[in-house]
PDB file of N, CA and C in Angstrom:
ATOM      1  N   MET A   1     -20.636  14.180   9.083  1.00  0.00           N
ATOM      2  CA  MET A   1     -19.673  14.132   9.339  1.00  0.00           C
ATOM      3  C   MET A   1     -18.731  13.795   7.358  1.00  0.00           C
ATOM      4  N   PRO A   2     -17.537  14.149   7.704  1.00  0.00           N
ATOM      5  CA  PRO A   2     -17.189  14.434   6.235  1.00  0.00           C
ATOM      6  C   PRO A   2     -16.567  13.119   5.515  1.00  0.00           C
ATOM      7  N   LYS A   3     -16.578  13.307   4.319  1.00  0.00           N
ATOM      8  CA  LYS A   3     -15.633  11.562   3.857  1.00  0.00           C
ATOM      9  C   LYS A   3     -14.381  11.880   3.349  1.00  0.00           C
ATOM     10  N   LEU A   4     -14.200  10.439   3.689  1.00  0.00           N
ATOM     11  CA  LEU A   4     -11.954  10.418   3.942  1.00  0.00           C
ATOM     12  C   LEU A   4     -12.133  10.255   2.391  1.00  0.00           C
ATOM     13  N   LYS A   5     -10.357  10.632   2.260  1.00  0.00           N
ATOM     14  CA  LYS A   5     -10.439  10.581   0.841  1.00  0.00           C
ATOM     15  C   LYS A   5      -9.413   9.389   1.153  1.00  0.00           C
ATOM     16  N   THR A   6      -9.428   8.648  -0.456  1.00  0.00           N
ATOM     17  CA  THR A   6      -8.748   7.329   0.036  1.00  0.00           C
ATOM     18  C   THR A   6      -7.064   8.349  -0.695  1.00  0.00           C
ATOM     19  N   HIS A   7      -5.923   7.432  -0.041  1.00  0.00           N
ATOM     20  CA  HIS A   7      -4.626   7.736  -0.941  1.00  0.00           C
ATOM     21  C   HIS A   7      -4.548   7.282  -1.892  1.00  0.00           C
ATOM     22  N   LYS A   8      -3.976   8.095  -2.740  1.00  0.00           N
ATOM     23  CA  LYS A   8      -4.089   7.174  -4.133  1.00  0.00           C
ATOM     24  C   LYS A   8      -2.590   6.565  -4.572  1.00  0.00           C
ATOM     25  N   GLY A   9      -1.462   7.352  -4.394  1.00  0.00           N
ATOM     26  CA  GLY A   9      -0.627   6.563  -4.602  1.00  0.00           C
ATOM     27  C   GLY A   9      -0.518   5.133  -3.505  1.00  0.00           C
ATOM     28  N   ALA A  10      -1.289   5.239  -2.107  1.00  0.00           N
ATOM     29  CA  ALA A  10      -1.478   3.809  -1.624  1.00  0.00           C
ATOM     30  C   ALA A  10      -2.182   2.983  -2.212  1.00  0.00           C
ATOM     31  N   ALA A  11      -3.072   3.258  -2.993  1.00  0.00           N
ATOM     32  CA  ALA A  11      -4.513   2.627  -3.602  1.00  0.00           C
ATOM     33  C   ALA A  11      -3.636   1.536  -4.966  1.00  0.00           C
ATOM     34  N   LYS A  12      -2.812   2.108  -5.376  1.00  0.00           N
ATOM     35  CA  LYS A  12      -2.141   1.953  -6.217  1.00  0.00           C
ATOM     36  C   LYS A  12      -0.857   0.656  -5.920  1.00  0.00           C
ATOM     37  N   ARG A  13      -0.585   1.129  -4.549  1.00  0.00           N
ATOM     38  CA  ARG A  13       0.514  -0.060  -4.244  1.00  0.00           C
ATOM     39  C   ARG A  13      -0.069  -1.317  -3.744  1.00  0.00           C
ATOM     40  N   PHE A  14      -1.142  -1.267  -3.043  1.00  0.00           N
ATOM     41  CA  PHE A  14      -1.897  -2.053  -1.818  1.00  0.00           C
ATOM     42  C   PHE A  14      -2.883  -2.555  -2.449  1.00  0.00           C
ATOM     43  N   LYS A  15      -3.458  -3.826  -2.269  1.00  0.00           N
ATOM     44  CA  LYS A  15      -4.668  -4.633  -2.233  1.00  0.00           C
ATOM     45  C   LYS A  15      -4.611  -5.432  -1.102  1.00  0.00           C
ATOM     46  N   LYS A  16      -5.969  -5.013  -0.618  1.00  0.00           N
ATOM     47  CA  LYS A  16      -6.399  -6.048   0.618  1.00  0.00           C
ATOM     48  C   LYS A  16      -7.006  -7.151   0.093  1.00  0.00           C
ATOM     49  N   THR A  17      -6.745  -8.423   0.921  1.00  0.00           N
ATOM     50  CA  THR A  17      -6.859  -9.536   0.611  1.00  0.00           C
ATOM     51  C   THR A  17      -8.210 -10.204   1.614  1.00  0.00           C
ATOM     52  N   ALA A  18      -8.963 -10.878   1.568  1.00  0.00           N
ATOM     53  CA  ALA A  18     -10.211 -11.238   2.324  1.00  0.00           C
ATOM     54  C   ALA A  18      -9.777 -11.481   3.334  1.00  0.00           C
ATOM     55  N   SER A  19      -8.487 -11.841   4.018  1.00  0.00           N
ATOM     56  CA  SER A  19      -8.953 -11.650   5.600  1.00  0.00           C
ATOM     57  C   SER A  19      -7.971 -10.823   5.893  1.00  0.00           C
ATOM     58  N   GLY A  20      -8.435  -9.751   5.535  1.00  0.00           N
ATOM     59  CA  GLY A  20      -7.998  -8.138   5.697  1.00  0.00           C
ATOM     60  C   GLY A  20      -6.439  -7.432   5.555  1.00  0.00           C
ATOM     61  N   LYS A  21      -5.687  -8.298   5.318  1.00  0.00           N
ATOM     62  CA  LYS A  21      -4.461  -8.115   4.863  1.00  0.00           C
ATOM     63  C   LYS A  21      -4.316  -7.137   4.128  1.00  0.00           C
ATOM     64  N   PHE A  22      -3.180  -6.359   3.555  1.00  0.00           N
ATOM     65  CA  PHE A  22      -2.714  -5.732   2.740  1.00  0.00           C
ATOM     66  C   PHE A  22      -1.427  -6.638   1.593  1.00  0.00           C
ATOM     67  N   THR A  23      -1.676  -6.273   0.390  1.00  0.00           N
ATOM     68  CA  THR A  23      -0.676  -7.288  -0.306  1.00  0.00           C
ATOM     69  C   THR A  23       0.476  -6.270  -0.713  1.00  0.00           C
ATOM     70  N   ARG A  24       1.734  -6.091  -1.165  1.00  0.00           N
ATOM     71  CA  ARG A  24       2.412  -5.341  -1.598  1.00  0.00           C
ATOM     72  C   ARG A  24       3.528  -5.751  -2.542  1.00  0.00           C
ATOM     73  N   GLY A  25       4.066  -4.974  -3.549  1.00  0.00           N
ATOM     74  CA  GLY A  25       5.155  -5.612  -4.338  1.00  0.00           C
ATOM     75  C   GLY A  25       6.472  -5.048  -3.408  1.00  0.00           C
ATOM     76  N   LYS A  26       7.272  -5.829  -4.112  1.00  0.00           N
ATOM     77  CA  LYS A  26       8.504  -5.616  -3.213  1.00  0.00           C
ATOM     78  C   LYS A  26       9.468  -4.758  -4.110  1.00  0.00           C
ATOM     79  N   ALA A  27      10.791  -4.546  -3.510  1.00  0.00           N
ATOM     80  CA  ALA A  27      11.649  -3.325  -3.534  1.00  0.00           C
ATOM     81  C   ALA A  27      12.592  -4.468  -4.545  1.00  0.00           C
ATOM     82  N   TYR A  28      13.253  -3.301  -4.926  1.00  0.00           N
ATOM     83  CA  TYR A  28      14.612  -3.467  -5.727  1.00  0.00           C
ATOM     84  C   TYR A  28      14.419  -4.989  -7.188  1.00  0.00           C
ATOM     85  N   ALA A  29      13.208  -4.455  -7.442  1.00  0.00           N
ATOM     86  CA  ALA A  29      12.809  -5.313  -8.789  1.00  0.00           C
ATOM     87  C   ALA A  29      12.597  -4.689 -10.029  1.00  0.00           C
ATOM     88  N   ARG A  30      13.248  -3.443 -10.169  1.00  0.00           N
ATOM     89  CA  ARG A  30      13.027  -2.874 -11.332  1.00  0.00           C
ATOM     90  C   ARG A  30      14.109  -2.671 -12.223  1.00  0.00           C
ATOM     91  N   HIS A  31      15.705  -3.001 -11.516  1.00  0.00           N
ATOM     92  CA  HIS A  31      16.581  -2.771 -12.917  1.00  0.00           C
ATOM     93  C   HIS A  31      17.837  -3.199 -11.888  1.00  0.00           C
ATOM     94  N   LEU A  32      18.877  -3.392 -12.693  1.00  0.00           N
ATOM     95  CA  LEU A  32      20.013  -3.614 -12.481  1.00  0.00           C
ATOM     96  C   LEU A  32      19.906  -5.767 -11.928  1.00  0.00           C
ATOM     97  N   PHE A  33      19.220  -5.819 -12.948  1.00  0.00           N
ATOM     98  CA  PHE A  33      18.996  -7.705 -12.773  1.00  0.00           C
ATOM     99  C   PHE A  33      20.184  -8.597 -12.901  1.00  0.00           C
ATOM    100  N   ALA A  34      21.255  -7.750 -13.804  1.00  0.00           N
ATOM    101  CA  ALA A  34      22.551  -8.894 -13.974  1.00  0.00           C
ATOM    102  C   ALA A  34      23.312  -9.318 -12.634  1.00  0.00           C
ATOM    103  N   GLY A  35      23.470  -8.200 -11.645  1.00  0.00           N
ATOM    104  CA  GLY A  35      23.735  -8.620 -10.481  1.00  0.00           C
ATOM    105  C   GLY A  35      23.664  -9.060  -9.594  1.00  0.00           C
ATOM    106  N   LYS A  36      21.758  -9.702  -9.457  1.00  0.00           N
ATOM    107  CA  LYS A  36      21.230 -10.612  -8.887  1.00  0.00           C
ATOM    108  C   LYS A  36      21.393 -12.062  -9.537  1.00  0.00           C
ATOM    109  N   SER A  37      20.968 -12.923  -8.824  1.00  0.00           N
ATOM    110  CA  SER A  37      20.485 -14.290  -8.983  1.00  0.00           C
ATOM    111  C   SER A  37      19.052 -14.959  -9.298  1.00  0.00           C
ATOM    112  N   ASN A  38      19.268 -15.778 -10.415  1.00  0.00           N
ATOM    113  CA  ASN A  38      17.670 -16.153 -10.852  1.00  0.00           C
ATOM    114  C   ASN A  38      17.169 -16.425  -9.657  1.00  0.00           C
ATOM    115  N   ALA A  39      17.443 -16.989  -8.231  1.00  0.00           N
ATOM    116  CA  ALA A  39      16.296 -17.382  -7.509  1.00  0.00           C
ATOM    117  C   ALA A  39      15.660 -16.150  -6.672  1.00  0.00           C
ATOM    118  N   ASN A  40      16.833 -15.399  -6.443  1.00  0.00           N
ATOM    119  CA  ASN A  40      16.440 -13.522  -5.766  1.00  0.00           C
ATOM    120  C   ASN A  40      15.399 -13.030  -6.989  1.00  0.00           C
ATOM    121  N   LYS A  41      15.530 -12.875  -8.196  1.00  0.00           N
ATOM    122  CA  LYS A  41      14.813 -12.317  -9.206  1.00  0.00           C
ATOM    123  C   LYS A  41      13.404 -12.999  -9.129  1.00  0.00           C
ATOM    124  N   ARG A  42      13.221 -14.320  -8.902  1.00  0.00           N
ATOM    125  CA  ARG A  42      12.149 -15.123  -8.421  1.00  0.00           C
ATOM    126  C   ARG A  42      11.381 -14.229  -7.924  1.00  0.00           C
ATOM    127  N   ARG A  43      12.059 -14.897  -6.397  1.00  0.00           N
ATOM    128  CA  ARG A  43      11.249 -14.307  -5.157  1.00  0.00           C
ATOM    129  C   ARG A  43      10.761 -12.807  -5.392  1.00  0.00           C
ATOM    130  N   LEU A  44      11.587 -11.724  -5.943  1.00  0.00           N
ATOM    131  CA  LEU A  44      10.975 -10.596  -6.079  1.00  0.00           C
ATOM    132  C   LEU A  44       9.682 -10.489  -6.676  1.00  0.00           C
ATOM    133  N   GLY A  45       9.693 -11.312  -7.921  1.00  0.00           N
ATOM    134  CA  GLY A  45       8.254 -11.579  -8.333  1.00  0.00           C
ATOM    135  C   GLY A  45       7.187 -11.647  -7.564  1.00  0.00           C
ATOM    136  N   GLU A  46       6.976 -12.301  -6.568  1.00  0.00           N
ATOM    137  CA  GLU A  46       6.025 -12.886  -6.196  1.00  0.00           C
ATOM    138  C   GLU A  46       5.234 -11.906  -5.477  1.00  0.00           C
ATOM    139  N   GLY A  47       6.172 -10.494  -4.641  1.00  0.00           N
ATOM    140  CA  GLY A  47       5.141  -9.755  -4.147  1.00  0.00           C
ATOM    141  C   GLY A  47       5.478 -10.439  -2.751  1.00  0.00           C
ATOM    142  N   GLY A  48       4.644  -9.433  -1.517  1.00  0.00           N
ATOM    143  CA  GLY A  48       4.581 -10.117   0.031  1.00  0.00           C
ATOM    144  C   GLY A  48       3.128  -9.284   0.436  1.00  0.00           C
ATOM    145  N   MET A  49       3.588  -9.199   1.826  1.00  0.00           N
ATOM    146  CA  MET A  49       2.146  -8.829   2.302  1.00  0.00           C
ATOM    147  C   MET A  49       3.122  -7.774   3.388  1.00  0.00           C
ATOM    148  N   VAL A  50       2.200  -7.069   3.849  1.00  0.00           N
ATOM    149  CA  VAL A  50       2.328  -5.764   4.713  1.00  0.00           C
ATOM    150  C   VAL A  50       2.795  -5.980   6.055  1.00  0.00           C
ATOM    151  N   SER A  51       3.904  -5.928   6.879  1.00  0.00           N
ATOM    152  CA  SER A  51       4.072  -6.025   8.047  1.00  0.00           C
ATOM    153  C   SER A  51       2.857  -5.688   9.044  1.00  0.00           C
ATOM    154  N   SER A  52       2.698  -6.176  10.228  1.00  0.00           N
ATOM    155  CA  SER A  52       1.988  -6.053  11.328  1.00  0.00           C
ATOM    156  C   SER A  52       2.087  -4.712  11.757  1.00  0.00           C
ATOM    157  N   ALA A  53       3.416  -4.481  11.651  1.00  0.00           N
ATOM    158  CA  ALA A  53       4.270  -3.432  12.364  1.00  0.00           C
ATOM    159  C   ALA A  53       3.408  -1.719  11.549  1.00  0.00           C
ATOM    160  N   ASN A  54       2.875  -1.972   9.742  1.00  0.00           N
ATOM    161  CA  ASN A  54       2.525  -1.155   9.194  1.00  0.00           C
ATOM    162  C   ASN A  54       1.256  -1.198   8.903  1.00  0.00           C
ATOM    163  N   HIS A  55       0.671  -2.346   9.385  1.00  0.00           N
ATOM    164  CA  HIS A  55      -0.490  -2.523   8.788  1.00  0.00           C
ATOM    165  C   HIS A  55      -2.090  -1.608   9.274  1.00  0.00           C
ATOM    166  N   GLN A  56      -2.040  -0.547  10.081  1.00  0.00           N
ATOM    167  CA  GLN A  56      -2.574   0.779  10.540  1.00  0.00           C
ATOM    168  C   GLN A  56      -2.213   1.426   9.613  1.00  0.00           C
ATOM    169  N   ALA A  57      -1.309   1.861   9.665  1.00  0.00           N
ATOM    170  CA  ALA A  57      -0.965   2.975   8.383  1.00  0.00           C
ATOM    171  C   ALA A  57      -1.515   2.678   6.971  1.00  0.00           C
ATOM    172  N   VAL A  58      -1.306   1.893   6.825  1.00  0.00           N
ATOM    173  CA  VAL A  58      -2.001   1.648   5.387  1.00  0.00           C
ATOM    174  C   VAL A  58      -3.450   1.832   5.184  1.00  0.00           C
ATOM    175  N   SER A  59      -3.896   1.109   6.456  1.00  0.00           N
ATOM    176  CA  SER A  59      -5.250   0.894   6.655  1.00  0.00           C
ATOM    177  C   SER A  59      -5.811   2.227   6.724  1.00  0.00           C
ATOM    178  N   ASP A  60      -5.319   3.200   7.766  1.00  0.00           N
ATOM    179  CA  ASP A  60      -5.869   4.607   7.173  1.00  0.00           C
ATOM    180  C   ASP A  60      -5.771   5.364   5.944  1.00  0.00           C
ATOM    181  N   MET A  61      -4.491   5.119   5.296  1.00  0.00           N
ATOM    182  CA  MET A  61      -4.289   5.998   3.968  1.00  0.00           C
ATOM    183  C   MET A  61      -5.564   4.877   2.945  1.00  0.00           C
ATOM    184  N   LEU A  62      -6.278   4.059   3.154  1.00  0.00           N
ATOM    185  CA  LEU A  62      -7.166   2.942   2.421  1.00  0.00           C
ATOM    186  C   LEU A  62      -8.579   3.121   3.258  1.00  0.00           C
ATOM    187  N   PRO A  63      -9.238   4.066   3.383  1.00  0.00           N
ATOM    188  CA  PRO A  63     -10.409   3.668   4.204  1.00  0.00           C
ATOM    189  C   PRO A  63     -11.406   2.560   3.902  1.00  0.00           C
ATOM    190  N   TYR A  64     -11.577   2.607   2.405  1.00  0.00           N
ATOM    191  CA  TYR A  64     -12.593   1.716   1.736  1.00  0.00           C
ATOM    192  C   TYR A  64     -12.443   0.312   1.347  1.00  0.00           C
ATOM    193  N   ALA A  65     -11.072   0.219   1.228  1.00  0.00           N
ATOM    194  CA  ALA A  65     -10.827  -1.110   0.897  1.00  0.00           C
ATOM    195  C   ALA A  65     -11.036  -1.831   1.582  1.00  0.00           C
TER     196      ALA A  65
END
């Protein structure tokens, strides 16, 4: 059986938690901060979790995570 390759772009963006879920960063947190509220900017820095609809796709890209 051949080895599976890790998708390196996904490896830089997602981390697996102890419960088996994946964490992710949030979009819209790179520039144009003057038009965003302080509360919105604070929430963008927290990150989030990958939705259940995308969990299998991320899991396939990270076979050894």
